[in-house]
N, C-alpha and C. Protein backbone atom coordinates (compact mmCIF):
# COMPACT_ATOMS: atom_id res chain seq x y z
N VAL A 1 27.99 -11.12 25.32
CA VAL A 1 26.80 -11.07 26.64
C VAL A 1 25.47 -11.51 25.69
N PHE A 2 25.03 -11.44 26.08
CA PHE A 2 23.28 -11.45 25.52
C PHE A 2 22.16 -11.33 26.26
N ALA A 3 21.09 -10.77 25.47
CA ALA A 3 20.45 -10.69 27.01
C ALA A 3 18.90 -10.05 26.01
N CYS A 4 17.69 -11.13 27.18
CA CYS A 4 16.44 -11.65 26.15
C CYS A 4 15.48 -11.01 26.77
N GLY A 5 14.18 -10.59 25.86
CA GLY A 5 12.93 -10.67 27.45
C GLY A 5 12.92 -8.61 26.95
N PRO A 6 12.38 -8.58 28.70
CA PRO A 6 12.07 -6.80 29.47
C PRO A 6 13.53 -6.18 29.11
N LEU A 7 14.70 -7.00 29.11
CA LEU A 7 15.65 -6.38 28.50
C LEU A 7 16.10 -5.61 27.72
N LEU A 8 15.59 -6.12 26.22
CA LEU A 8 14.89 -5.18 25.08
C LEU A 8 14.30 -4.71 24.61
N GLY A 9 13.14 -4.60 26.13
CA GLY A 9 11.92 -3.40 25.97
C GLY A 9 10.91 -4.22 24.96
N GLY A 10 11.62 -5.57 25.22
CA GLY A 10 10.53 -7.01 24.47
C GLY A 10 9.73 -7.32 25.85
N SER A 11 8.87 -8.20 26.04
CA SER A 11 7.29 -8.74 26.85
C SER A 11 8.18 -9.51 27.94
N ALA A 12 7.39 -9.96 29.30
CA ALA A 12 8.33 -10.44 29.98
C ALA A 12 7.64 -11.41 30.47
N ASP A 13 7.08 -11.85 29.60
CA ASP A 13 6.24 -13.72 29.01
C ASP A 13 7.63 -14.18 29.31
N GLN A 14 7.44 -15.08 30.09
CA GLN A 14 8.20 -16.39 30.34
C GLN A 14 8.20 -16.93 29.12
N GLY A 15 7.67 -17.58 28.52
CA GLY A 15 7.73 -18.94 26.53
C GLY A 15 8.52 -17.59 26.27
N ILE A 16 8.53 -16.23 25.96
CA ILE A 16 8.83 -15.65 24.67
C ILE A 16 10.59 -15.45 25.18
N ALA A 17 10.72 -15.33 26.66
CA ALA A 17 11.57 -14.76 27.13
C ALA A 17 12.60 -16.51 26.87
N ASN A 18 12.34 -17.70 27.02
CA ASN A 18 12.79 -18.77 26.85
C ASN A 18 13.23 -18.93 25.30
N TYR A 19 12.15 -18.98 24.53
CA TYR A 19 12.48 -18.55 23.14
C TYR A 19 13.78 -17.76 23.17
N GLU A 20 13.56 -16.54 23.11
CA GLU A 20 14.89 -15.63 23.13
C GLU A 20 15.72 -16.26 23.21
N ALA A 21 15.63 -17.23 24.40
CA ALA A 21 16.70 -17.12 24.69
C ALA A 21 17.81 -18.46 24.47
N LYS A 22 17.07 -19.50 23.55
CA LYS A 22 17.38 -20.34 23.05
C LYS A 22 17.67 -19.80 22.06
N ILE A 23 17.47 -18.38 21.51
CA ILE A 23 18.24 -18.51 19.71
C ILE A 23 19.31 -18.06 20.04
N ALA A 24 19.63 -16.97 21.23
CA ALA A 24 20.82 -16.25 22.08
C ALA A 24 21.95 -17.58 22.16
N VAL A 25 21.34 -18.89 22.81
CA VAL A 25 22.40 -20.06 23.16
C VAL A 25 23.19 -20.36 21.14
N LYS A 26 21.84 -20.56 20.69
CA LYS A 26 22.53 -21.19 19.29
C LYS A 26 23.84 -20.19 18.27
N ASN A 27 23.28 -18.81 18.72
CA ASN A 27 24.11 -17.56 17.79
C ASN A 27 25.69 -17.88 18.94
N ALA A 28 25.36 -18.06 19.99
CA ALA A 28 26.44 -18.08 20.82
C ALA A 28 27.54 -19.46 20.85
N LEU A 29 27.14 -20.83 20.59
CA LEU A 29 27.64 -21.63 19.67
C LEU A 29 28.01 -21.64 18.20
N PHE A 30 27.31 -21.73 17.99
CA PHE A 30 26.78 -22.04 16.24
C PHE A 30 27.57 -20.34 15.95
N LEU A 31 27.28 -20.03 14.40
CA LEU A 31 27.14 -19.53 13.60
C LEU A 31 25.99 -17.77 14.05
N PRO A 32 26.17 -17.20 14.15
CA PRO A 32 25.02 -16.74 14.57
C PRO A 32 24.12 -15.83 13.43
N THR A 33 23.13 -16.95 12.64
CA THR A 33 22.59 -16.43 11.59
C THR A 33 21.02 -16.96 11.73
N HIS A 34 20.46 -16.76 13.73
CA HIS A 34 19.77 -16.84 13.65
C HIS A 34 18.84 -16.00 14.14
N GLN A 35 17.71 -15.19 13.98
CA GLN A 35 17.13 -14.52 14.10
C GLN A 35 15.66 -14.75 15.20
N VAL A 36 15.26 -14.25 15.77
CA VAL A 36 13.67 -14.28 16.40
C VAL A 36 12.48 -14.02 15.72
N ASP A 37 11.79 -14.41 15.20
CA ASP A 37 10.63 -14.33 13.61
C ASP A 37 9.60 -13.90 15.52
N ARG A 38 9.44 -12.74 15.13
CA ARG A 38 8.30 -12.04 15.66
C ARG A 38 6.87 -12.56 15.39
N ARG A 39 6.69 -12.32 14.16
CA ARG A 39 5.80 -13.05 13.47
C ARG A 39 4.85 -14.12 14.39
N THR A 40 5.44 -15.66 13.95
CA THR A 40 4.73 -16.44 15.02
C THR A 40 4.93 -16.32 16.38
N VAL A 41 5.23 -15.69 17.37
CA VAL A 41 5.09 -15.61 18.77
C VAL A 41 3.36 -15.60 18.92
N SER A 42 3.15 -15.41 19.97
CA SER A 42 1.69 -15.44 20.58
C SER A 42 1.63 -15.61 21.98
N GLN A 43 0.60 -14.50 22.44
CA GLN A 43 0.92 -14.55 23.46
C GLN A 43 -0.20 -14.57 24.13
N VAL A 44 -0.76 -16.35 24.50
CA VAL A 44 -2.93 -16.36 25.19
C VAL A 44 -2.81 -16.13 26.47
N THR A 45 -3.65 -15.37 26.91
CA THR A 45 -5.08 -15.46 27.63
C THR A 45 -6.13 -16.31 27.83
N HIS A 46 -6.85 -15.86 29.20
CA HIS A 46 -8.21 -16.23 29.06
C HIS A 46 -8.78 -15.37 27.95
N GLN A 47 -9.21 -14.44 27.73
CA GLN A 47 -9.96 -13.06 27.60
C GLN A 47 -9.39 -12.67 26.35
N PHE A 48 -7.35 -12.94 26.25
CA PHE A 48 -6.75 -11.83 25.29
C PHE A 48 -5.55 -12.77 24.77
N ALA A 49 -5.75 -12.12 23.32
CA ALA A 49 -4.39 -13.24 22.67
C ALA A 49 -4.15 -12.33 21.94
N LYS A 50 -2.72 -12.13 21.40
CA LYS A 50 -1.60 -11.41 21.05
C LYS A 50 -0.95 -12.33 20.45
N ILE A 51 -1.20 -12.55 18.54
CA ILE A 51 -0.72 -12.82 17.74
C ILE A 51 0.41 -11.87 17.05
N GLY A 52 1.12 -12.57 17.15
CA GLY A 52 1.92 -11.51 15.60
C GLY A 52 2.47 -10.65 15.96
N LEU A 53 2.89 -9.25 15.91
CA LEU A 53 2.70 -7.99 15.69
C LEU A 53 2.80 -7.41 15.86
N SER A 54 2.78 -6.55 16.81
CA SER A 54 1.83 -5.33 17.44
C SER A 54 2.12 -4.03 16.25
N GLU A 55 1.01 -3.10 15.77
CA GLU A 55 0.72 -2.24 14.97
C GLU A 55 2.25 -1.46 15.70
N THR A 56 3.25 -0.79 16.96
CA THR A 56 3.86 -0.33 16.95
C THR A 56 5.44 -1.16 16.30
N GLU A 57 5.75 -2.23 16.09
CA GLU A 57 6.77 -3.25 16.46
C GLU A 57 6.57 -3.81 14.40
N ALA A 58 5.53 -3.56 14.17
CA ALA A 58 5.26 -3.90 12.97
C ALA A 58 5.91 -2.44 12.38
N GLN A 59 5.41 -0.95 12.43
CA GLN A 59 5.62 0.31 12.15
C GLN A 59 7.57 0.35 12.43
N LYS A 60 7.93 -0.04 13.06
CA LYS A 60 9.10 0.06 13.75
C LYS A 60 9.89 -0.99 12.70
N ARG A 61 9.58 -1.74 12.20
CA ARG A 61 10.02 -3.29 11.67
C ARG A 61 9.92 -2.70 9.53
N TYR A 62 8.96 -2.40 9.52
CA TYR A 62 8.86 -2.10 8.25
C TYR A 62 8.80 -0.62 7.40
N SER A 63 8.59 0.21 8.55
CA SER A 63 8.31 1.42 8.02
C SER A 63 9.58 2.58 7.65
N PRO A 64 10.74 1.53 8.77
CA PRO A 64 11.89 2.20 8.19
C PRO A 64 13.06 2.27 6.38
N SER A 65 12.32 1.60 6.40
CA SER A 65 12.71 1.29 3.90
C SER A 65 12.01 1.85 3.77
N HIS A 66 10.84 2.43 4.19
CA HIS A 66 9.23 3.16 3.33
C HIS A 66 9.79 4.51 3.32
N SER A 67 9.18 5.52 3.06
CA SER A 67 8.79 6.85 3.60
C SER A 67 7.57 6.99 4.17
N GLN A 68 6.58 5.96 3.05
CA GLN A 68 4.96 6.11 3.51
C GLN A 68 4.70 4.77 4.50
N SER A 69 3.93 4.80 5.30
CA SER A 69 3.73 3.48 6.62
C SER A 69 3.14 2.62 5.92
N MET A 70 3.17 1.98 4.90
CA MET A 70 2.52 0.84 4.86
C MET A 70 1.97 -0.12 5.50
N VAL A 71 2.00 0.36 6.97
CA VAL A 71 1.31 -0.59 7.62
C VAL A 71 -0.14 -0.06 8.43
N LYS A 72 -1.23 -0.98 8.31
CA LYS A 72 -2.51 -0.60 8.15
C LYS A 72 -3.20 -1.47 9.47
N SER A 73 -3.74 -1.01 10.12
CA SER A 73 -4.77 -1.92 10.68
C SER A 73 -6.13 -1.18 10.83
N TRP A 74 -6.95 -2.60 11.11
CA TRP A 74 -8.74 -3.18 10.58
C TRP A 74 -8.77 -2.80 12.49
N HIS A 75 -10.20 -2.26 12.84
CA HIS A 75 -10.69 -2.56 14.16
C HIS A 75 -12.23 -3.20 13.98
N ALA A 76 -12.89 -4.08 14.45
CA ALA A 76 -14.36 -4.58 14.69
C ALA A 76 -14.49 -4.96 16.06
N SER A 77 -15.63 -4.12 16.66
CA SER A 77 -15.64 -4.36 17.68
C SER A 77 -17.21 -4.66 18.23
N SER A 78 -17.36 -5.06 19.23
CA SER A 78 -18.77 -5.79 19.76
C SER A 78 -18.88 -4.82 20.56
N ALA A 79 -19.13 -3.72 20.64
CA ALA A 79 -19.30 -2.81 22.46
C ALA A 79 -20.21 -3.37 23.67
N ASN A 80 -20.77 -3.26 22.50
CA ASN A 80 -22.82 -3.73 24.11
C ASN A 80 -22.70 -5.42 23.78
N SER A 81 -22.02 -6.51 23.58
CA SER A 81 -22.35 -7.40 23.72
C SER A 81 -22.93 -8.08 24.62
N ALA A 82 -24.18 -9.14 24.24
CA ALA A 82 -25.20 -9.07 24.65
C ALA A 82 -24.72 -10.73 25.74
N GLU A 83 -23.99 -10.77 26.23
CA GLU A 83 -24.08 -12.40 27.07
C GLU A 83 -24.15 -12.30 28.70
N LEU A 84 -25.00 -13.00 28.75
CA LEU A 84 -26.41 -13.25 29.50
C LEU A 84 -25.75 -13.67 30.97
N THR A 85 -24.41 -14.31 30.67
CA THR A 85 -23.32 -15.74 30.87
C THR A 85 -22.92 -14.88 32.68
N THR A 86 -23.03 -13.63 32.55
CA THR A 86 -21.97 -12.59 32.82
C THR A 86 -22.49 -11.37 34.07
N PRO A 87 -22.10 -11.35 35.25
CA PRO A 87 -23.21 -9.89 35.39
C PRO A 87 -23.13 -8.55 35.05
N THR A 88 -21.83 -8.66 34.41
CA THR A 88 -21.63 -7.53 33.04
C THR A 88 -21.04 -8.08 32.30
N PRO A 89 -21.93 -7.52 30.76
CA PRO A 89 -21.28 -7.53 29.19
C PRO A 89 -20.14 -7.61 29.29
N LEU A 90 -19.32 -8.14 28.72
CA LEU A 90 -17.90 -7.88 28.56
C LEU A 90 -17.91 -7.50 26.78
N ALA A 91 -17.37 -6.50 26.32
CA ALA A 91 -16.96 -6.45 24.88
C ALA A 91 -15.99 -7.50 24.38
N LYS A 92 -16.07 -7.83 23.15
CA LYS A 92 -15.55 -8.39 22.46
C LYS A 92 -14.72 -7.08 21.32
N SER A 93 -13.36 -7.36 20.89
CA SER A 93 -13.11 -6.61 20.75
C SER A 93 -11.86 -6.98 19.05
N CYS A 94 -11.63 -6.77 18.42
CA CYS A 94 -10.44 -7.27 16.84
C CYS A 94 -10.13 -6.41 16.58
N LYS A 95 -8.18 -6.87 16.49
CA LYS A 95 -7.61 -5.49 15.56
C LYS A 95 -6.45 -6.50 14.76
N LEU A 96 -6.66 -6.14 13.62
CA LEU A 96 -5.79 -6.78 11.92
C LEU A 96 -4.52 -6.05 12.03
N VAL A 97 -3.79 -6.15 11.94
CA VAL A 97 -1.99 -5.72 11.54
C VAL A 97 -1.95 -5.95 10.25
N CYS A 98 -2.16 -5.12 9.72
CA CYS A 98 -0.95 -5.54 7.69
C CYS A 98 -0.12 -4.93 7.22
N PHE A 99 0.09 -5.50 6.67
CA PHE A 99 1.63 -4.54 6.23
C PHE A 99 1.43 -5.18 4.88
N HIS A 100 1.20 -4.13 3.28
CA HIS A 100 0.70 -4.53 2.04
C HIS A 100 0.13 -5.67 2.06
N GLN A 101 -1.40 -5.65 2.92
CA GLN A 101 -2.08 -6.48 2.64
C GLN A 101 -1.86 -8.06 3.06
N TYR A 102 -0.78 -7.93 3.71
CA TYR A 102 -0.45 -9.10 4.25
C TYR A 102 -0.60 -9.45 5.98
N LEU A 103 -0.96 -10.13 6.59
CA LEU A 103 -1.77 -10.07 8.15
C LEU A 103 -0.18 -9.78 8.38
N VAL A 104 0.49 -9.47 9.65
CA VAL A 104 1.49 -9.51 10.29
C VAL A 104 1.47 -9.50 12.45
N GLY A 105 0.05 -9.05 12.48
CA GLY A 105 -0.31 -9.55 13.74
C GLY A 105 -2.03 -9.60 13.77
N ILE A 106 -2.51 -10.60 15.03
CA ILE A 106 -4.13 -10.27 15.19
C ILE A 106 -4.26 -10.10 16.89
N HIS A 107 -4.95 -9.22 17.16
CA HIS A 107 -5.19 -8.45 18.97
C HIS A 107 -6.39 -8.76 19.07
N LEU A 108 -7.04 -9.98 19.69
CA LEU A 108 -8.31 -10.28 20.28
C LEU A 108 -8.47 -10.10 21.90
N PHE A 109 -9.56 -9.53 21.83
CA PHE A 109 -10.27 -9.53 23.05
C PHE A 109 -11.71 -9.81 23.60
N GLY A 110 -11.99 -10.88 24.34
CA GLY A 110 -12.74 -11.43 24.43
C GLY A 110 -13.14 -12.77 24.81
N SER A 111 -14.34 -13.53 25.16
CA SER A 111 -14.13 -14.46 25.78
C SER A 111 -14.56 -15.14 24.88
N GLY A 112 -13.18 -16.29 24.41
CA GLY A 112 -12.79 -17.19 23.17
C GLY A 112 -11.88 -16.94 22.54
N ALA A 113 -11.18 -15.96 23.21
CA ALA A 113 -9.88 -15.50 22.24
C ALA A 113 -9.36 -17.17 22.44
N GLU A 114 -8.87 -17.40 23.39
CA GLU A 114 -7.89 -18.10 23.34
C GLU A 114 -8.68 -19.96 22.24
N GLU A 115 -9.85 -20.34 22.24
CA GLU A 115 -9.85 -20.86 21.35
C GLU A 115 -10.11 -20.91 19.49
N ILE A 116 -10.19 -19.41 19.82
CA ILE A 116 -9.27 -19.50 18.31
C ILE A 116 -7.79 -18.73 18.05
N ALA A 117 -7.32 -18.26 18.83
CA ALA A 117 -6.05 -17.99 18.69
C ALA A 117 -5.32 -18.91 17.60
N PRO A 118 -5.21 -20.75 18.49
CA PRO A 118 -4.84 -21.59 17.42
C PRO A 118 -5.22 -21.15 15.53
N LEU A 119 -6.47 -21.07 15.31
CA LEU A 119 -6.68 -21.03 14.04
C LEU A 119 -6.11 -19.87 13.23
N CYS A 120 -5.99 -18.75 14.15
CA CYS A 120 -5.82 -17.78 13.67
C CYS A 120 -3.90 -17.80 13.59
N THR A 121 -3.00 -18.59 14.12
CA THR A 121 -2.04 -18.28 13.67
C THR A 121 -1.46 -18.57 12.14
N THR A 122 -2.66 -19.47 12.06
CA THR A 122 -2.59 -19.78 11.20
C THR A 122 -2.23 -19.72 10.21
N ALA A 123 -2.72 -17.71 9.86
CA ALA A 123 -2.86 -16.60 9.13
C ALA A 123 -1.92 -16.34 9.01
N ILE A 124 -1.23 -16.10 10.36
CA ILE A 124 -0.02 -14.76 10.04
C ILE A 124 0.98 -14.81 8.78
N GLY A 125 1.11 -14.33 7.73
CA GLY A 125 1.79 -13.73 6.60
C GLY A 125 1.24 -14.48 5.83
N GLN A 126 -0.21 -14.68 5.48
CA GLN A 126 -0.91 -14.79 4.74
C GLN A 126 -1.98 -13.63 4.07
N PRO A 127 -2.05 -13.40 2.48
CA PRO A 127 -2.32 -12.38 2.21
C PRO A 127 -4.02 -12.47 3.28
N ILE A 128 -4.51 -11.12 3.13
CA ILE A 128 -5.87 -11.18 4.37
C ILE A 128 -7.04 -11.18 3.78
N HIS A 129 -7.02 -11.33 2.21
CA HIS A 129 -8.25 -12.13 1.82
C HIS A 129 -8.71 -13.38 2.31
N LYS A 130 -7.14 -14.24 2.81
CA LYS A 130 -7.09 -15.75 3.41
C LYS A 130 -7.84 -16.04 4.53
N LEU A 131 -7.72 -14.60 5.39
CA LEU A 131 -7.78 -14.94 7.04
C LEU A 131 -9.86 -14.31 6.50
N SER A 132 -10.13 -13.92 5.73
CA SER A 132 -11.82 -13.33 5.57
C SER A 132 -12.69 -14.99 5.24
N GLU A 133 -11.72 -15.44 4.43
CA GLU A 133 -12.39 -17.17 3.51
C GLU A 133 -12.49 -18.24 4.57
N LEU A 134 -11.10 -17.79 5.75
CA LEU A 134 -10.90 -18.81 7.08
C LEU A 134 -12.20 -18.24 7.72
N MET A 135 -12.61 -17.38 8.49
CA MET A 135 -13.53 -16.68 9.50
C MET A 135 -14.67 -16.96 8.50
N SER A 136 -15.11 -17.09 7.74
CA SER A 136 -16.44 -17.05 7.03
C SER A 136 -16.97 -18.34 7.30
N HIS A 137 -16.49 -19.34 6.98
CA HIS A 137 -16.55 -20.89 7.58
C HIS A 137 -17.26 -21.27 9.18
N THR A 138 -16.33 -20.39 9.53
CA THR A 138 -16.66 -20.80 11.13
C THR A 138 -17.19 -19.48 12.15
N ALA A 139 -17.64 -18.29 11.68
CA ALA A 139 -18.42 -17.23 12.16
C ALA A 139 -19.49 -17.12 12.47
N SER A 140 -19.93 -17.35 13.74
CA SER A 140 -21.44 -17.08 14.25
C SER A 140 -21.61 -15.36 14.91
N ALA A 141 -23.24 -15.81 14.68
CA ALA A 141 -22.99 -13.87 15.03
C ALA A 141 -22.72 -14.01 16.60
N GLN A 142 -22.12 -12.64 17.06
CA GLN A 142 -21.51 -12.50 18.36
C GLN A 142 -20.52 -13.00 18.83
N SER A 143 -20.18 -13.13 17.79
CA SER A 143 -18.18 -13.93 18.47
C SER A 143 -17.47 -13.76 17.99
N LEU A 144 -16.32 -13.87 18.48
CA LEU A 144 -15.14 -13.14 17.71
C LEU A 144 -14.60 -13.58 16.96
N SER A 145 -14.99 -14.62 15.91
CA SER A 145 -15.17 -15.10 14.85
C SER A 145 -15.01 -13.96 13.42
N SER A 146 -16.90 -13.77 14.26
CA SER A 146 -17.51 -12.68 13.28
C SER A 146 -16.82 -11.12 13.36
N LEU A 147 -16.32 -10.96 14.44
CA LEU A 147 -15.62 -9.63 14.71
C LEU A 147 -14.33 -9.48 13.52
N ILE A 148 -14.01 -11.13 13.32
CA ILE A 148 -12.26 -10.92 12.08
C ILE A 148 -12.63 -10.97 11.42
N TYR A 149 -14.23 -11.61 10.88
CA TYR A 149 -14.52 -11.90 9.84
C TYR A 149 -14.92 -10.96 8.41
N SER A 150 -15.11 -9.84 9.99
CA SER A 150 -15.88 -8.18 9.49
C SER A 150 -14.68 -7.37 8.85
N ALA A 151 -13.76 -7.31 10.22
CA ALA A 151 -11.79 -6.33 10.14
C ALA A 151 -11.56 -6.73 8.69
N ALA A 152 -11.71 -8.65 8.44
CA ALA A 152 -10.45 -9.04 7.46
C ALA A 152 -11.57 -7.93 6.05
N SER A 153 -12.34 -8.01 6.16
CA SER A 153 -13.57 -7.98 5.09
C SER A 153 -13.28 -6.27 4.51
N LYS A 154 -13.34 -5.45 5.77
CA LYS A 154 -13.05 -4.10 5.51
C LYS A 154 -11.50 -4.12 4.86
N ALA A 155 -10.58 -4.87 5.20
CA ALA A 155 -9.14 -4.67 4.42
C ALA A 155 -9.49 -5.16 3.36
N SER A 156 -10.06 -6.21 3.02
CA SER A 156 -10.33 -7.03 1.48
C SER A 156 -10.92 -5.89 0.90
N GLN A 157 -11.42 -4.99 1.47
CA GLN A 157 -12.84 -4.06 0.32
C GLN A 157 -11.79 -2.85 -0.24
N GLN A 158 -10.57 -2.67 0.96
CA GLN A 158 -10.05 -1.26 0.99
C GLN A 158 -9.03 -1.75 -0.67
N HIS A 159 -9.07 -2.22 -1.30
CA HIS A 159 -8.41 -2.77 -2.12
C HIS A 159 -9.10 -1.46 -3.75
N TRP A 160 -10.36 -2.01 -3.64
CA TRP A 160 -11.91 -1.86 -4.42
C TRP A 160 -12.03 -0.25 -4.06
N GLN A 161 -11.53 0.93 -3.37
CA GLN A 161 -12.12 1.64 -3.35
C GLN A 161 -11.95 2.37 -4.10
N ALA A 162 -12.47 3.86 -4.98
CA ALA A 162 -12.80 4.22 -5.48
C ALA A 162 -11.22 5.54 -5.45
N GLY A 163 -10.30 5.44 -6.35
CA GLY A 163 -8.90 6.30 -6.55
C GLY A 163 -7.77 5.84 -5.68
N ARG A 164 -8.12 4.24 -5.91
CA ARG A 164 -6.93 3.11 -5.81
C ARG A 164 -6.38 3.31 -7.00
N TRP A 165 -5.29 2.96 -7.54
CA TRP A 165 -4.80 2.51 -8.81
C TRP A 165 -5.72 0.92 -9.55
N ARG A 166 -5.92 0.04 -8.57
CA ARG A 166 -6.62 -1.18 -9.13
C ARG A 166 -7.49 -0.45 -9.65
N ARG A 167 -8.51 -0.13 -8.59
CA ARG A 167 -10.41 0.20 -9.64
C ARG A 167 -9.48 0.76 -10.47
N ASP A 168 -9.05 2.25 -10.31
CA ASP A 168 -8.96 2.87 -11.99
C ASP A 168 -7.98 2.09 -12.84
N TRP A 169 -7.42 0.97 -12.94
CA TRP A 169 -6.89 0.95 -13.80
C TRP A 169 -7.54 -0.18 -14.35
N SER A 170 -8.19 -1.02 -13.73
CA SER A 170 -9.93 -2.04 -14.15
C SER A 170 -11.02 -1.20 -14.44
N GLU A 171 -10.98 -0.06 -14.23
CA GLU A 171 -11.85 0.67 -14.62
C GLU A 171 -11.84 0.50 -16.39
N ASN A 172 -10.45 1.53 -16.06
CA ASN A 172 -9.90 1.75 -17.77
C ASN A 172 -10.16 0.60 -18.60
N TRP A 173 -9.48 -0.67 -17.86
CA TRP A 173 -8.96 -1.25 -18.75
C TRP A 173 -10.48 -2.66 -19.63
N PHE A 174 -11.60 -2.00 -18.38
CA PHE A 174 -12.76 -2.95 -19.20
C PHE A 174 -13.53 -1.13 -19.82
N ASN A 175 -13.11 -0.57 -19.71
CA ASN A 175 -14.29 0.64 -20.36
C ASN A 175 -13.32 0.59 -21.67
């Protein structure tokens, strides 16, 4: 007996359920060697995009093997964006979920999320600095790409903060 979708505590999205069902059928007919790769699953609507793992899914997946959680998340938002095309201004928000400085999830909220989601999908599994390089070329003021760039730059700067072993080691080496 195989189950998929919301029966396993997953999403009720039809596309994800079809993906899980295809893998379940392959495992039932052949050797059970296929697994669902949640890093490649994306849910995109007009105002929202979820690519890869959420923060809780990443902690469940990576934290049991580590005593200290290496799953980090960075946020960037424009709470009062000045969109004059709508009667009420819509806030834009971005959340990046990383494991050991590798991007495992992106959450976007705001207008333009569905346009930028395919570009962000290519960055899943890559180091976080690759995303900041990718978004620096497409960033315009008040867009989601600028929020992604600012969140990714926060994540990449975290390596060189005082008290971190990389900065301490490099300062000692140069001294």
